[in-house]
Protein backbone atom coordinates (compact mmCIF):
# COMPACT_ATOMS: atom_id res chain seq x y z
CA MET A 1 -45.79 81.48 -81.30
CA PRO A 2 -45.20 79.83 -78.19
CA VAL A 3 -48.34 78.70 -76.40
CA THR A 4 -46.88 80.39 -73.01
CA ASP A 5 -46.92 83.60 -75.06
CA GLU A 6 -50.46 83.53 -74.51
CA MET A 7 -50.78 82.98 -71.16
CA VAL A 8 -51.62 85.64 -68.61
CA CYS A 9 -50.00 83.51 -65.75
CA PHE A 10 -46.61 82.87 -67.28
CA SER A 11 -46.38 86.48 -68.52
CA LEU A 12 -46.82 87.30 -64.60
CA TYR A 13 -44.18 84.94 -63.85
CA ALA A 14 -41.83 86.12 -66.47
CA ALA A 15 -42.40 89.73 -65.23
CA SER A 16 -41.78 89.00 -61.53
CA ARG A 17 -38.58 86.71 -62.44
CA ALA A 18 -37.09 89.80 -64.69
CA THR A 19 -37.82 92.00 -61.33
CA THR A 20 -36.42 89.88 -59.15
CA GLN A 21 -33.04 89.40 -61.52
CA ALA A 22 -33.20 93.25 -61.43
CA TYR A 23 -33.07 93.55 -57.83
CA ARG A 24 -30.73 90.82 -57.57
CA ALA A 25 -28.02 92.77 -59.95
CA LEU A 26 -28.67 96.14 -57.97
CA LEU A 27 -28.40 94.65 -54.54
CA GLU A 28 -25.36 92.60 -54.95
CA PRO A 29 -22.92 95.20 -54.41
CA TRP A 30 -24.09 95.45 -50.97
CA GLY A 31 -24.63 91.39 -50.55
CA LEU A 32 -28.29 92.24 -49.88
CA THR A 33 -31.16 89.92 -51.09
CA TYR A 34 -34.42 91.36 -52.11
CA PRO A 35 -36.23 89.91 -48.73
CA GLN A 36 -33.47 91.71 -47.01
CA TYR A 37 -34.06 94.85 -48.58
CA LEU A 38 -37.75 94.81 -48.18
CA VAL A 39 -37.07 94.67 -44.30
CA LEU A 40 -34.59 97.45 -44.75
CA VAL A 41 -37.08 99.85 -46.71
CA THR A 42 -39.98 98.70 -43.86
CA LEU A 43 -37.66 99.90 -41.01
CA TRP A 44 -36.36 102.95 -42.99
CA ILE A 45 -40.01 104.21 -43.90
CA GLU A 46 -42.27 102.83 -40.97
CA GLY A 47 -39.92 102.54 -38.11
CA ASP A 48 -39.16 99.81 -35.56
CA GLN A 49 -41.20 96.64 -36.39
CA THR A 50 -42.31 93.62 -34.46
CA VAL A 51 -40.97 90.09 -36.13
CA SER A 52 -44.80 89.29 -36.44
CA GLY A 53 -45.46 92.61 -38.36
CA LEU A 54 -42.74 92.30 -40.39
CA GLY A 55 -44.25 88.60 -41.53
CA ASP A 56 -47.57 90.22 -41.90
CA HIS A 57 -45.92 93.42 -44.21
CA LEU A 58 -43.63 91.25 -46.07
CA GLN A 59 -46.23 88.11 -46.33
CA LEU A 60 -43.42 85.81 -44.89
CA ASP A 61 -44.02 82.98 -42.33
CA SER A 62 -41.96 83.05 -39.49
CA GLY A 63 -39.94 79.81 -40.88
CA THR A 64 -38.50 82.16 -43.56
CA LEU A 65 -38.50 85.39 -41.64
CA SER A 66 -36.47 84.17 -38.55
CA PRO A 67 -33.39 82.91 -40.48
CA LEU A 68 -33.42 86.16 -42.73
CA LEU A 69 -33.20 88.22 -39.63
CA ARG A 70 -30.68 86.23 -38.03
CA ARG A 71 -28.25 86.85 -41.19
CA MET A 72 -29.40 90.42 -41.41
CA GLU A 73 -28.43 90.90 -37.61
CA GLN A 74 -24.98 89.16 -38.17
CA ALA A 75 -24.29 91.44 -40.95
CA ASP A 76 -25.21 94.34 -38.58
CA LEU A 77 -28.27 95.33 -40.79
CA VAL A 78 -31.04 94.87 -37.85
CA ARG A 79 -31.20 94.09 -34.17
CA ARG A 80 -33.65 92.05 -32.65
CA GLU A 81 -34.64 92.52 -29.01
CA ARG A 82 -37.04 91.00 -27.00
CA ARG A 83 -39.45 93.25 -25.04
CA SER A 84 -39.01 93.64 -21.31
CA THR A 85 -42.62 93.55 -20.81
CA ASP A 86 -43.40 90.71 -22.71
CA GLU A 87 -40.30 88.44 -23.88
CA ARG A 88 -42.68 86.61 -26.49
CA ILE A 89 -42.50 89.75 -28.73
CA VAL A 90 -39.41 90.42 -30.49
CA THR A 91 -38.84 93.74 -31.88
CA VAL A 92 -36.53 94.35 -35.12
CA THR A 93 -34.55 97.76 -35.34
CA LEU A 94 -32.06 98.96 -37.85
CA GLY A 95 -28.34 98.15 -37.04
CA ALA A 96 -25.71 100.67 -37.57
CA ARG A 97 -24.95 99.26 -41.12
CA GLY A 98 -28.62 99.14 -41.91
CA ARG A 99 -28.79 102.99 -41.21
CA SER A 100 -25.52 103.71 -43.01
CA ILE A 101 -26.37 102.20 -46.56
CA ARG A 102 -29.82 103.87 -46.87
CA PRO A 103 -28.42 106.82 -48.89
CA GLU A 104 -26.31 104.61 -50.99
CA LEU A 105 -29.59 102.25 -52.37
CA ALA A 106 -31.62 105.42 -53.02
CA HIS A 107 -31.28 105.06 -56.16
CA VAL A 108 -32.88 101.47 -56.47
CA PRO A 109 -36.77 102.51 -56.68
CA ALA A 110 -36.03 104.55 -59.36
CA ALA A 111 -33.72 102.19 -61.38
CA ILE A 112 -36.77 99.48 -60.79
CA ALA A 113 -39.21 101.84 -62.25
CA ALA A 114 -37.54 102.71 -65.04
CA GLY A 115 -37.06 99.18 -65.80
CA MET A 116 -40.62 98.67 -65.94
CA GLY A 117 -41.44 101.58 -67.83
CA LEU A 118 -42.81 103.69 -65.11
CA HIS A 119 -42.35 107.43 -65.91
CA ASP A 120 -44.61 109.07 -63.50
CA GLU A 121 -46.29 108.12 -59.94
CA ARG A 122 -49.70 107.97 -61.37
CA SER A 123 -48.62 105.03 -63.46
CA ALA A 124 -46.81 103.45 -60.64
CA LEU A 125 -49.93 103.83 -58.27
CA GLU A 126 -52.26 102.38 -61.09
CA LEU A 127 -49.95 99.28 -61.49
CA ILE A 128 -49.68 98.75 -57.87
CA ALA A 129 -53.30 98.78 -57.27
CA THR A 130 -54.10 96.09 -60.47
CA LEU A 131 -51.43 93.94 -58.74
CA GLN A 132 -52.95 94.25 -55.21
CA ARG A 133 -56.41 93.40 -56.83
CA LEU A 134 -54.95 90.53 -58.67
CA THR A 135 -53.30 89.21 -55.41
CA ALA A 136 -56.46 89.50 -53.36
CA THR A 137 -58.57 87.56 -56.08
CA MET A 138 -56.41 84.97 -56.20
CA HIS A 139 -56.17 84.46 -52.76
CA ALA A 140 -59.96 84.44 -52.91
CA ALA A 141 -60.17 81.91 -55.67
CA ALA A 142 -57.50 79.58 -54.52
CA PRO A 143 -59.07 76.36 -52.89
CA ALA A 144 -58.12 75.89 -49.32
CA PRO A 145 -55.39 73.24 -48.52
CA ALA A 146 -56.46 69.87 -47.89
CA ARG A 147 -55.84 68.92 -43.98
CA ARG A 148 -54.11 65.58 -43.36
CA GLY A 149 -56.37 62.84 -42.68
CA SER A 150 -59.67 64.77 -44.15
CA PRO A 151 -61.45 62.81 -46.81
């Protein structure tokens, strides 16, 4: 048995890669990436968002999110608008294509849940809770990055 078969971290890594590959295959016909899909789902469910709010929800920094949103805007998936009351704040809304493809992507969550062997809402909620606890404890356990110039 390979040593990696006995490592929790490798099992989590492999599961994450398999999930990403499944999303890639499911979203490819629409030319979407998984992060783009997450933006759309957030807008579909929660409505318009500020760029910083989206970054917080998706745990993405502005250096990653801004080019992602620019490509999505070019594809008419989203629109970005500066608030007239404070031009530093950019609001992200659904574009025409972003609204129109929602019904076409309605099968994705069920396909992913089936692939994960989640057959009811309770098992999905238990897995989500476990993964959220893992994320929180790993963030707490991770050492702070060393600052440049610090001994």
